[in-house]
Protein backbone atom coordinates (compact mmCIF):
# COMPACT_ATOMS: atom_id res chain seq x y z
CA UNK A 1 -4.53 6.23 -21.42
CA UNK A 2 -0.74 6.49 -21.40
CA UNK A 3 1.58 4.95 -18.84
CA UNK A 4 1.96 8.23 -16.92
CA UNK A 5 -1.81 8.67 -16.67
CA UNK A 6 -2.25 5.10 -15.48
CA UNK A 7 0.21 5.57 -12.61
CA UNK A 8 -1.47 8.80 -11.56
CA UNK A 9 -4.81 6.99 -11.54
CA UNK A 10 -3.38 4.29 -9.27
CA UNK A 11 -2.20 6.95 -6.81
CA UNK A 12 -5.70 8.50 -6.75
CA UNK A 13 -7.30 5.10 -6.23
CA UNK A 14 -4.87 4.30 -3.40
CA UNK A 15 -5.55 7.65 -1.70
CA UNK A 16 -9.33 7.09 -1.90
CA UNK A 17 -9.05 3.48 -0.73
CA UNK A 18 -6.97 4.45 2.31
CA UNK A 19 -9.49 7.21 3.11
CA UNK A 20 -12.24 4.59 3.15
CA UNK A 21 -10.11 2.39 5.44
CA UNK A 22 -9.73 5.31 7.86
CA UNK A 23 -13.52 5.77 7.79
CA UNK A 24 -13.95 2.05 8.60
CA UNK A 25 -15.48 1.23 5.21
CA UNK A 26 -13.48 -1.90 4.25
CA UNK A 27 -15.87 -3.15 1.55
CA UNK A 28 -15.59 0.09 -0.44
CA UNK A 29 -11.81 0.03 0.03
CA UNK A 30 -11.57 -3.57 -1.29
CA UNK A 31 -13.36 -2.51 -4.47
CA UNK A 32 -10.75 0.22 -5.05
CA UNK A 33 -7.83 -2.07 -4.19
CA UNK A 34 -9.16 -4.51 -6.81
CA UNK A 35 -9.12 -1.73 -9.42
CA UNK A 36 -5.49 -0.99 -8.55
CA UNK A 37 -4.57 -4.69 -8.75
CA UNK A 38 -6.14 -4.96 -12.22
CA UNK A 39 -3.55 -2.41 -13.36
CA UNK A 40 -0.67 -3.50 -11.11
CA UNK A 41 -1.12 -7.11 -10.00
CA UNK A 42 1.99 -6.99 -7.80
CA UNK A 43 1.29 -3.70 -6.03
CA UNK A 44 2.41 -4.80 -2.54
CA UNK A 45 0.75 -1.89 -0.76
CA UNK A 46 -2.64 -2.58 -2.40
CA UNK A 47 -2.33 -6.32 -1.65
CA UNK A 48 -1.36 -5.72 1.99
CA UNK A 49 -4.13 -3.22 2.66
CA UNK A 50 -6.67 -5.37 0.82
CA UNK A 51 -5.65 -8.17 3.23
CA UNK A 52 -6.26 -5.88 6.21
CA UNK A 53 -9.68 -4.92 4.83
CA UNK A 54 -10.58 -8.59 4.24
CA UNK A 55 -9.62 -9.37 7.85
CA UNK A 56 -12.01 -6.63 8.97
CA UNK A 57 -14.94 -8.26 7.15
CA UNK A 58 -13.90 -11.70 8.45
CA UNK A 59 -12.87 -13.11 5.05
CA UNK A 60 -9.75 -14.63 6.57
CA UNK A 61 -8.90 -17.17 3.84
CA UNK A 62 -8.98 -14.43 1.18
CA UNK A 63 -6.85 -12.23 3.45
CA UNK A 64 -4.26 -15.03 3.76
CA UNK A 65 -4.05 -15.18 -0.05
CA UNK A 66 -3.29 -11.43 -0.14
CA UNK A 67 -0.60 -11.66 2.54
CA UNK A 68 0.96 -14.69 0.79
CA UNK A 69 1.25 -12.60 -2.37
CA UNK A 70 2.94 -9.80 -0.42
CA UNK A 71 5.36 -12.32 1.14
CA UNK A 72 6.10 -13.72 -2.33
CA UNK A 73 7.09 -10.18 -3.42
CA UNK A 74 9.06 -9.56 -0.21
CA UNK A 75 9.72 -12.56 2.09
CA UNK A 76 11.02 -10.15 4.75
CA UNK A 77 7.77 -8.18 5.12
CA UNK A 78 7.32 -8.60 8.87
CA UNK A 79 3.85 -7.02 9.01
CA UNK A 80 2.58 -9.29 6.23
CA UNK A 81 3.72 -12.32 8.25
CA UNK A 82 2.11 -10.85 11.38
CA UNK A 83 -1.24 -10.17 9.71
CA UNK A 84 -1.22 -13.56 8.03
CA UNK A 85 -0.84 -14.94 11.56
CA UNK A 86 -3.91 -12.98 12.70
CA UNK A 87 -5.92 -14.45 9.78
CA UNK A 88 -4.69 -17.96 10.57
CA UNK A 89 -5.62 -17.59 14.26
CA UNK A 90 -9.10 -16.33 13.36
CA UNK A 91 -9.49 -19.34 11.04
CA UNK A 92 -8.65 -21.60 14.00
CA UNK A 93 -5.26 -22.64 12.61
CA UNK A 94 -3.32 -21.99 15.82
CA UNK A 95 -0.11 -23.81 14.89
CA UNK A 96 0.24 -21.94 11.59
CA UNK A 97 -0.58 -18.64 13.32
CA UNK A 98 2.25 -19.23 15.82
CA UNK A 99 4.65 -20.01 12.96
CA UNK A 100 3.68 -16.77 11.19
CA UNK A 101 4.25 -14.70 14.35
CA UNK A 102 7.63 -16.42 14.82
CA UNK A 103 8.55 -15.59 11.21
CA UNK A 104 7.49 -11.95 11.69
CA UNK A 105 9.67 -11.72 14.82
CA UNK A 106 12.58 -13.49 13.10
CA UNK A 107 12.46 -10.91 10.29
CA UNK A 108 12.02 -7.97 12.69
CA UNK A 109 12.74 -8.55 16.38
CA UNK A 110 11.19 -5.16 17.14
CA UNK A 111 7.78 -6.00 15.69
CA UNK A 112 5.77 -5.22 18.84
CA UNK A 113 2.47 -6.29 17.23
CA UNK A 114 3.79 -9.76 16.38
CA UNK A 115 5.25 -10.14 19.88
CA UNK A 116 1.92 -9.11 21.42
CA UNK A 117 -0.06 -11.48 19.18
CA UNK A 118 2.29 -14.37 20.02
CA UNK A 119 1.84 -13.58 23.73
CA UNK A 120 -1.96 -13.63 23.39
CA UNK A 121 -1.79 -16.94 21.52
CA UNK A 122 0.42 -18.53 24.19
CA UNK A 123 -1.96 -17.31 26.91
CA UNK A 124 -4.92 -18.92 25.10
CA UNK A 125 -2.91 -22.16 24.99
CA UNK A 126 -2.51 -21.86 28.82
CA UNK A 127 1.24 -21.33 28.44
CA UNK A 128 1.18 -18.37 30.80
CA UNK A 129 4.88 -18.17 31.74
CA UNK A 130 5.92 -18.13 28.08
CA UNK A 131 3.18 -15.59 27.33
CA UNK A 132 4.54 -13.26 30.04
CA UNK A 133 8.07 -13.55 28.66
CA UNK A 134 6.91 -12.59 25.14
CA UNK A 135 4.68 -9.76 26.43
CA UNK A 136 7.65 -8.35 28.38
CA UNK A 137 9.63 -8.32 25.11
CA UNK A 138 6.76 -6.47 23.41
CA UNK A 139 6.74 -3.89 26.23
CA UNK A 140 10.52 -3.42 26.01
CA UNK A 141 10.20 -2.79 22.26
CA UNK A 142 7.28 -0.36 22.57
CA UNK A 143 6.17 0.76 26.04
CA UNK A 144 3.69 3.30 24.62
CA UNK A 145 0.91 0.79 23.96
CA UNK A 146 -1.23 0.29 27.07
CA UNK A 147 -3.00 -2.79 25.64
CA UNK A 148 0.17 -4.91 26.07
CA UNK A 149 0.56 -3.89 29.73
CA UNK A 150 -3.15 -4.54 30.31
CA UNK A 151 -2.91 -8.01 28.78
CA UNK A 152 0.17 -8.75 30.89
CA UNK A 153 -1.86 -7.83 33.98
CA UNK A 154 -4.70 -10.11 32.89
CA UNK A 155 -2.26 -13.02 32.46
CA UNK A 156 -0.78 -12.36 35.92
CA UNK A 157 -4.32 -12.36 37.32
CA UNK A 158 -5.03 -15.76 35.74
CA UNK A 159 -1.86 -17.02 37.41
CA UNK A 160 -3.19 -15.77 40.78
CA UNK A 161 -0.31 -13.28 40.99
CA UNK A 162 -2.76 -10.60 42.02
CA UNK A 163 -0.33 -8.14 43.66
CA UNK A 164 1.77 -8.05 40.47
CA UNK A 165 -1.36 -7.75 38.33
CA UNK A 166 -2.63 -4.86 40.45
CA UNK A 167 0.76 -3.14 40.16
CA UNK A 168 0.58 -3.57 36.38
CA UNK A 169 -2.86 -1.94 36.12
CA UNK A 170 -1.91 0.86 38.53
CA UNK A 171 1.08 1.70 36.33
CA UNK A 172 -1.18 1.89 33.26
CA UNK A 173 -3.67 4.08 35.15
CA UNK A 174 -0.87 6.49 36.11
CA UNK A 175 0.35 6.73 32.51
CA UNK A 176 -3.10 6.71 30.89
CA UNK A 177 -5.62 8.12 33.40
CA UNK A 178 -8.51 7.79 30.93
CA UNK A 179 -7.95 4.11 30.15
CA UNK A 180 -11.17 2.55 31.46
CA UNK A 181 -10.05 -1.05 30.77
CA UNK A 182 -7.03 -0.68 33.05
CA UNK A 183 -9.13 1.10 35.69
CA UNK A 184 -11.73 -1.71 35.66
CA UNK A 185 -9.03 -4.40 35.86
CA UNK A 186 -7.51 -2.54 38.81
CA UNK A 187 -10.88 -2.92 40.57
CA UNK A 188 -11.03 -6.62 39.69
CA UNK A 189 -7.59 -7.23 41.21
CA UNK A 190 -8.45 -5.26 44.35
CA UNK A 191 -11.47 -7.55 44.72
CA UNK A 192 -9.25 -10.63 44.22
CA UNK A 193 -7.06 -9.30 47.06
CA UNK A 194 -10.20 -8.97 49.25
CA UNK A 195 -9.93 -5.18 49.20
CA UNK A 196 -13.61 -4.94 48.29
CA UNK A 197 -14.27 -1.42 49.62
CA UNK A 198 -11.50 -0.06 47.39
CA UNK A 199 -12.78 -2.17 44.50
CA UNK A 200 -16.27 -0.71 44.94
CA UNK A 201 -14.84 2.83 44.79
CA UNK A 202 -13.34 1.94 41.40
CA UNK A 203 -16.55 0.34 40.09
CA UNK A 204 -18.69 3.25 41.27
CA UNK A 205 -16.44 5.72 39.51
CA UNK A 206 -16.70 3.78 36.23
CA UNK A 207 -20.49 3.53 36.54
CA UNK A 208 -20.79 7.33 36.70
CA UNK A 209 -19.67 7.38 33.05
CA UNK A 210 -20.82 3.93 31.93
CA UNK A 211 -24.06 3.19 33.82
CA UNK A 212 -25.00 0.27 31.60
CA UNK A 213 -21.71 -1.66 31.71
CA UNK A 214 -22.78 -5.19 32.63
CA UNK A 215 -19.26 -6.38 33.61
CA UNK A 216 -18.89 -3.54 36.12
CA UNK A 217 -22.39 -4.11 37.55
CA UNK A 218 -21.62 -7.81 38.00
CA UNK A 219 -18.21 -7.08 39.58
CA UNK A 220 -19.87 -4.65 41.98
CA UNK A 221 -22.44 -7.34 42.88
CA UNK A 222 -19.60 -9.77 43.73
CA UNK A 223 -17.90 -7.27 46.00
CA UNK A 224 -21.19 -6.42 47.78
CA UNK A 225 -21.75 -10.15 48.38
CA UNK A 226 -18.20 -10.54 49.72
CA UNK A 227 -18.97 -7.74 52.20
CA UNK A 228 -22.20 -9.62 53.14
CA UNK A 229 -24.36 -6.81 51.78
CA UNK A 230 -26.67 -9.39 50.26
CA UNK A 231 -29.78 -7.31 49.39
CA UNK A 232 -27.59 -4.84 47.42
CA UNK A 233 -25.64 -7.71 45.83
CA UNK A 234 -28.85 -9.40 44.67
CA UNK A 235 -30.29 -6.17 43.25
CA UNK A 236 -27.09 -5.59 41.24
CA UNK A 237 -27.05 -9.22 40.11
CA UNK A 238 -30.65 -8.81 38.93
CA UNK A 239 -29.61 -5.76 36.87
CA UNK A 240 -26.65 -7.63 35.35
CA UNK A 241 -28.79 -10.67 34.46
CA UNK A 242 -31.38 -8.41 32.79
CA UNK A 243 -28.62 -7.12 30.49
CA UNK A 244 -26.90 -10.44 29.70
CA UNK A 245 -28.82 -13.39 31.19
CA UNK A 246 -26.93 -16.27 29.58
CA UNK A 247 -23.36 -15.27 30.52
CA UNK A 248 -24.09 -13.72 33.94
CA UNK A 249 -26.07 -16.75 35.13
CA UNK A 250 -23.13 -19.03 34.24
CA UNK A 251 -20.68 -16.72 36.03
CA UNK A 252 -22.87 -16.40 39.13
CA UNK A 253 -23.38 -20.18 39.42
CA UNK A 254 -19.61 -20.76 39.31
CA UNK A 255 -18.60 -17.81 41.53
CA UNK A 256 -17.35 -18.96 44.99
CA UNK A 257 -18.34 -15.58 46.54
CA UNK A 258 -21.99 -16.37 45.81
CA UNK A 259 -21.89 -19.86 47.40
CA UNK A 260 -23.41 -18.52 50.62
CA UNK A 261 -26.43 -17.41 48.58
CA UNK A 262 -27.08 -20.84 47.06
CA UNK A 263 -29.86 -21.46 49.59
CA UNK A 264 -31.33 -17.98 49.05
CA UNK A 265 -34.63 -18.22 47.18
CA UNK A 266 -34.14 -14.91 45.31
CA UNK A 267 -30.63 -15.93 44.19
CA UNK A 268 -31.82 -19.38 43.04
CA UNK A 269 -34.62 -17.79 41.04
CA UNK A 270 -32.31 -15.21 39.45
CA UNK A 271 -29.65 -17.65 38.30
CA UNK A 272 -32.06 -20.57 37.73
CA UNK A 273 -30.18 -22.80 40.18
């Protein structure tokens, strides 16, 4: 096949590979990216997207190799640095992940994804104030992504700044009325502020659509216990434990709201106290 035909073939392969990526079929896409790379070993787009696909199937070390090759072609590829950081973090190499996010931001200060990922990393390292600062930068760069605002609210909640966290989630709910994560977190913060009746209204509304959501059932149980509605609280706790016994039992044992039930025989049996 001539040179012109070869290039056309690469375009077809790329189109088909990207279609598979859109259909969430990374393994099939990797196979096509490999065919492209046999013809054009330095095709940056194929290398980058192959890296993304490898991340999806949790082959993080292989993904890092792909992103390194992209960076070798173009050291100022901010998204390659960012995605290399994601691979590094998933591999447990936190320090290197942070360095990659910093490099991505250095190359492009408006890389909202890298700013968000750096914020998440700082939060996991318990550096909450720094995390908030970076998340605010991510929001100022791109305020259209609700996940950054939601994460900011979660960080504020961890810092016991519950009024600010609630305000954060309420703002997301106004902008994105169908965002169930923000709506649930709004309920959680209302509960933290001892506004349990309002919290229960939120949880009940979510359970109309998502009856089986164990986190919401557990949160509702907490609020019922806080309002001293113990029989209802225990019934909800029983439902939550049936769905996820290991995690819910740990949560319930450590939850201060349930301390008054520690002498209750039904509670002790449920959580294996």
